C-alpha atoms as a PDB file:
ATOM      1  CA  MET A   1      18.570 -43.690 -83.181  1.00  0.00           C
ATOM      2  CA  ASP A   2      20.694 -40.388 -83.106  1.00  0.00           C
ATOM      3  CA  PRO A   3      24.294 -40.955 -83.454  1.00  0.00           C
ATOM      4  CA  ASN A   4      24.657 -38.592 -80.454  1.00  0.00           C
ATOM      5  CA  VAL A   5      22.424 -40.625 -78.233  1.00  0.00           C
ATOM      6  CA  THR A   6      24.138 -43.877 -79.297  1.00  0.00           C
ATOM      7  CA  ALA A   7      27.691 -42.452 -78.568  1.00  0.00           C
ATOM      8  CA  ALA A   8      26.512 -41.269 -75.166  1.00  0.00           C
ATOM      9  CA  LEU A   9      24.933 -44.672 -74.489  1.00  0.00           C
ATOM     10  CA  PHE A  10      27.717 -46.481 -75.387  1.00  0.00           C
ATOM     11  CA  GLY A  11      30.101 -44.126 -73.470  1.00  0.00           C
ATOM     12  CA  PHE A  12      27.964 -44.723 -70.416  1.00  0.00           C
ATOM     13  CA  ILE A  13      27.880 -48.545 -70.610  1.00  0.00           C
ATOM     14  CA  GLY A  14      31.739 -48.552 -71.228  1.00  0.00           C
ATOM     15  CA  THR A  15      32.003 -46.296 -68.098  1.00  0.00           C
ATOM     16  CA  ALA A  16      30.169 -48.416 -66.060  1.00  0.00           C
ATOM     17  CA  ILE A  17      31.710 -51.709 -67.077  1.00  0.00           C
ATOM     18  CA  GLY A  18      35.126 -50.136 -66.114  1.00  0.00           C
ATOM     19  CA  GLY A  19      33.838 -48.907 -63.195  1.00  0.00           C
ATOM     20  CA  LEU A  20      32.823 -52.277 -62.035  1.00  0.00           C
ATOM     21  CA  ILE A  21      35.818 -54.010 -63.140  1.00  0.00           C
ATOM     22  CA  SER A  22      37.885 -51.393 -61.319  1.00  0.00           C
ATOM     23  CA  TRP A  23      35.944 -51.899 -58.128  1.00  0.00           C
ATOM     24  CA  PHE A  24      36.252 -55.697 -58.253  1.00  0.00           C
ATOM     25  CA  LEU A  25      40.199 -55.537 -58.727  1.00  0.00           C
ATOM     26  CA  GLN A  26      40.354 -52.783 -55.818  1.00  0.00           C
ATOM     27  CA  LYS A  27      38.164 -55.203 -53.595  1.00  0.00           C
ATOM     28  CA  GLN A  28      40.268 -58.324 -54.451  1.00  0.00           C
ATOM     29  CA  ARG A  29      43.651 -56.199 -53.699  1.00  0.00           C
ATOM     30  CA  ASN A  30      42.143 -55.152 -50.447  1.00  0.00           C
ATOM     31  CA  ASP A  31      41.112 -58.562 -49.335  1.00  0.00           C
ATOM     32  CA  HIS A  32      44.643 -59.733 -50.354  1.00  0.00           C
ATOM     33  CA  GLU A  33      46.249 -57.141 -48.278  1.00  0.00           C
ATOM     34  CA  LEU A  34      43.938 -57.932 -45.031  1.00  0.00           C
ATOM     35  CA  GLU A  35      44.805 -61.501 -45.490  1.00  0.00           C
ATOM     36  CA  VAL A  36      48.695 -60.353 -45.611  1.00  0.00           C
ATOM     37  CA  LEU A  37      48.346 -58.421 -42.538  1.00  0.00           C
ATOM     38  CA  ARG A  38      46.554 -61.058 -40.656  1.00  0.00           C
ATOM     39  CA  GLU A  39      49.092 -63.449 -41.183  1.00  0.00           C
ATOM     40  CA  SER A  40      51.949 -61.213 -40.133  1.00  0.00           C
ATOM     41  CA  HIS A  41      49.898 -60.539 -36.926  1.00  0.00           C
ATOM     42  CA  LYS A  42      48.789 -64.083 -36.574  1.00  0.00           C
ATOM     43  CA  THR A  43      50.603 -64.541 -33.282  1.00  0.00           C
ATOM     44  CA  ASP A  44      48.545 -61.346 -31.732  1.00  0.00           C
ATOM     45  CA  PHE A  45      45.443 -62.682 -33.351  1.00  0.00           C
ATOM     46  CA  ALA A  46      45.739 -66.125 -31.415  1.00  0.00           C
ATOM     47  CA  ALA A  47      47.030 -64.629 -28.352  1.00  0.00           C
ATOM     48  CA  GLU A  48      43.994 -62.408 -28.029  1.00  0.00           C
ATOM     49  CA  SER A  49      41.708 -65.522 -28.862  1.00  0.00           C
ATOM     50  CA  THR A  50      43.485 -67.462 -25.989  1.00  0.00           C
ATOM     51  CA  ALA A  51      43.061 -64.512 -23.626  1.00  0.00           C
ATOM     52  CA  LEU A  52      39.408 -64.557 -24.148  1.00  0.00           C
ATOM     53  CA  PHE A  53      39.036 -68.319 -23.792  1.00  0.00           C
ATOM     54  CA  TYR A  54      40.351 -68.040 -20.316  1.00  0.00           C
ATOM     55  CA  LEU A  55      38.500 -64.637 -19.527  1.00  0.00           C
ATOM     56  CA  LEU A  56      35.180 -66.193 -20.814  1.00  0.00           C
ATOM     57  CA  SER A  57      35.304 -69.159 -18.280  1.00  0.00           C
ATOM     58  CA  GLU A  58      32.155 -69.855 -16.427  1.00  0.00           C
ATOM     59  CA  LYS A  59      33.843 -70.532 -13.316  1.00  0.00           C
ATOM     60  CA  PHE A  60      35.773 -67.538 -12.849  1.00  0.00           C
ATOM     61  CA  THR A  61      35.203 -63.685 -13.959  1.00  0.00           C
ATOM     62  CA  ASP A  62      38.744 -62.705 -12.879  1.00  0.00           C
ATOM     63  CA  ARG A  63      42.028 -64.113 -13.771  1.00  0.00           C
ATOM     64  CA  SER A  64      45.312 -63.362 -12.075  1.00  0.00           C
ATOM     65  CA  PHE A  65      47.840 -61.898 -14.101  1.00  0.00           C
ATOM     66  CA  LYS A  66      50.334 -64.554 -13.098  1.00  0.00           C
ATOM     67  CA  ILE A  67      47.798 -67.489 -14.523  1.00  0.00           C
ATOM     68  CA  LEU A  68      47.703 -65.778 -17.830  1.00  0.00           C
ATOM     69  CA  GLN A  69      51.323 -65.277 -18.292  1.00  0.00           C
ATOM     70  CA  GLU A  70      51.527 -69.070 -17.672  1.00  0.00           C
ATOM     71  CA  ARG A  71      48.805 -69.842 -19.997  1.00  0.00           C
ATOM     72  CA  ILE A  72      49.695 -67.475 -22.788  1.00  0.00           C
ATOM     73  CA  GLY A  73      53.598 -67.554 -22.597  1.00  0.00           C
ATOM     74  CA  GLY A  74      56.291 -65.876 -24.942  1.00  0.00           C
ATOM     75  CA  PHE A  75      55.010 -61.977 -24.200  1.00  0.00           C
ATOM     76  CA  PRO A  76      56.876 -59.666 -22.203  1.00  0.00           C
ATOM     77  CA  ASP A  77      54.596 -58.425 -19.297  1.00  0.00           C
ATOM     78  CA  ASP A  78      53.243 -54.937 -20.997  1.00  0.00           C
ATOM     79  CA  GLU A  79      52.802 -56.631 -24.292  1.00  0.00           C
ATOM     80  CA  LEU A  80      50.695 -59.336 -22.665  1.00  0.00           C
ATOM     81  CA  ARG A  81      48.699 -56.210 -20.850  1.00  0.00           C
ATOM     82  CA  LYS A  82      48.210 -54.813 -24.287  1.00  0.00           C
ATOM     83  CA  ILE A  83      46.988 -57.923 -25.523  1.00  0.00           C
ATOM     84  CA  LEU A  84      44.401 -58.244 -22.811  1.00  0.00           C
ATOM     85  CA  VAL A  85      43.143 -54.749 -23.214  1.00  0.00           C
ATOM     86  CA  ARG A  86      42.870 -55.620 -26.989  1.00  0.00           C
ATOM     87  CA  ALA A  87      40.707 -58.421 -25.900  1.00  0.00           C
ATOM     88  CA  GLY A  88      38.353 -56.054 -23.760  1.00  0.00           C
ATOM     89  CA  ALA A  89      39.868 -56.698 -20.499  1.00  0.00           C
ATOM     90  CA  VAL A  90      40.311 -54.249 -17.674  1.00  0.00           C
ATOM     91  CA  ARG A  91      42.871 -54.625 -14.611  1.00  0.00           C
ATOM     92  CA  ILE A  92      41.791 -54.929 -11.109  1.00  0.00           C
ATOM     93  CA  ILE A  93      44.620 -54.346  -8.274  1.00  0.00           C
ATOM     94  CA  ARG A  94      43.379 -56.123  -5.237  1.00  0.00           C
ATOM     95  CA  GLU A  95      44.218 -55.227  -1.704  1.00  0.00           C
ATOM     96  CA  ASP A  96      47.084 -57.528  -1.764  1.00  0.00           C
ATOM     97  CA  LYS A  97      48.342 -55.397  -4.514  1.00  0.00           C
ATOM     98  CA  SER A  98      47.987 -58.529  -6.753  1.00  0.00           C
ATOM     99  CA  GLU A  99      47.095 -57.920 -10.547  1.00  0.00           C
ATOM    100  CA  TRP A 100      43.720 -59.166 -11.799  1.00  0.00           C
ATOM    101  CA  TRP A 101      41.888 -59.253 -15.407  1.00  0.00           C
ATOM    102  CA  ARG A 102      38.386 -59.107 -15.962  1.00  0.00           C
ATOM    103  CA  LEU A 103      36.294 -58.556 -19.201  1.00  0.00           C
ATOM    104  CA  LEU A 104      34.571 -55.530 -18.987  1.00  0.00           C
ATOM    105  CA  GLU A 105      31.314 -57.074 -20.207  1.00  0.00           C
ATOM    106  CA  ARG A 106      31.534 -59.422 -17.359  1.00  0.00           C
ATOM    107  CA  ASN A 107      31.675 -56.738 -14.464  1.00  0.00           C
ATOM    108  CA  ASP A 108      28.042 -56.799 -13.568  1.00  0.00           C
ATOM    109  CA  GLU A 109      28.259 -60.489 -12.974  1.00  0.00           C
ATOM    110  CA  ALA A 110      31.449 -60.147 -11.035  1.00  0.00           C
ATOM    111  CA  VAL A 111      30.052 -57.745  -8.646  1.00  0.00           C
ATOM    112  CA  GLU A 112      26.917 -60.049  -8.392  1.00  0.00           C
ATOM    113  CA  LYS A 113      29.375 -62.864  -7.351  1.00  0.00           C
ATOM    114  CA  ILE A 114      30.833 -60.533  -4.679  1.00  0.00           C
ATOM    115  CA  LYS A 115      27.607 -59.671  -3.483  1.00  0.00           C
ATOM    116  CA  GLU A 116      26.405 -63.437  -3.242  1.00  0.00           C
ATOM    117  CA  ARG A 117      29.967 -64.043  -1.224  1.00  0.00           C
ATOM    118  CA  ALA A 118      29.469 -61.262   1.142  1.00  0.00           C
ATOM    119  CA  ASN A 119      25.980 -62.592   2.156  1.00  0.00           C
ATOM    120  CA  GLN A 120      27.334 -66.268   2.392  1.00  0.00           C
ATOM    121  CA  LYS A 121      30.134 -65.397   5.110  1.00  0.00           C
ATOM    122  CA  PRO A 122      29.044 -65.910   8.751  1.00  0.00           C
ATOM    123  CA  LYS A 123      28.911 -62.916  10.780  1.00  0.00           C
ATOM    124  CA  PRO A 124      31.387 -62.794  13.496  1.00  0.00           C
ATOM    125  CA  THR A 125      30.166 -63.245  17.155  1.00  0.00           C
ATOM    126  CA  THR A 126      30.786 -60.644  19.694  1.00  0.00           C
ATOM    127  CA  PRO A 127      31.156 -61.769  23.601  1.00  0.00           C
ATOM    128  CA  SER A 128      27.683 -60.105  23.818  1.00  0.00           C
ATOM    129  CA  ASP A 129      26.296 -62.363  21.190  1.00  0.00           C
ATOM    130  CA  ARG A 130      27.224 -65.557  23.335  1.00  0.00           C
ATOM    131  CA  GLY A 131      25.076 -64.974  26.140  1.00  0.00           C
ATOM    132  CA  SER A 132      26.164 -65.343  29.940  1.00  0.00           C
ATOM    133  CA  ALA A 133      27.781 -68.536  30.653  1.00  0.00           C
END
């Protein structure tokens, strides 16, 4: 075999092995940095998971901010709101000015429940509906 081809082949093999080693070490370093970052923000991740737990309840599509404050304690109001937004929730202000939160992905489900409740309410009677006495 020609010495130039042999040198080029060994140079290529050495470069490939060096590149693989470098890639593997960089991957390990990034995985470790991600783990350290997760550990430093563990409280936020746990709060987000807890918010999701309450917002994914089968019984309730909406949760009041007061209930969420009670269940996910230890955060100022605005920080809790940021956690809820990161979890994928949207805020709803009701007619009585109370603050409620719902997962955006459950919006269609909530609208259907509202329509069902509206159909179940008895219609108010008027004097003309009662007939003559």
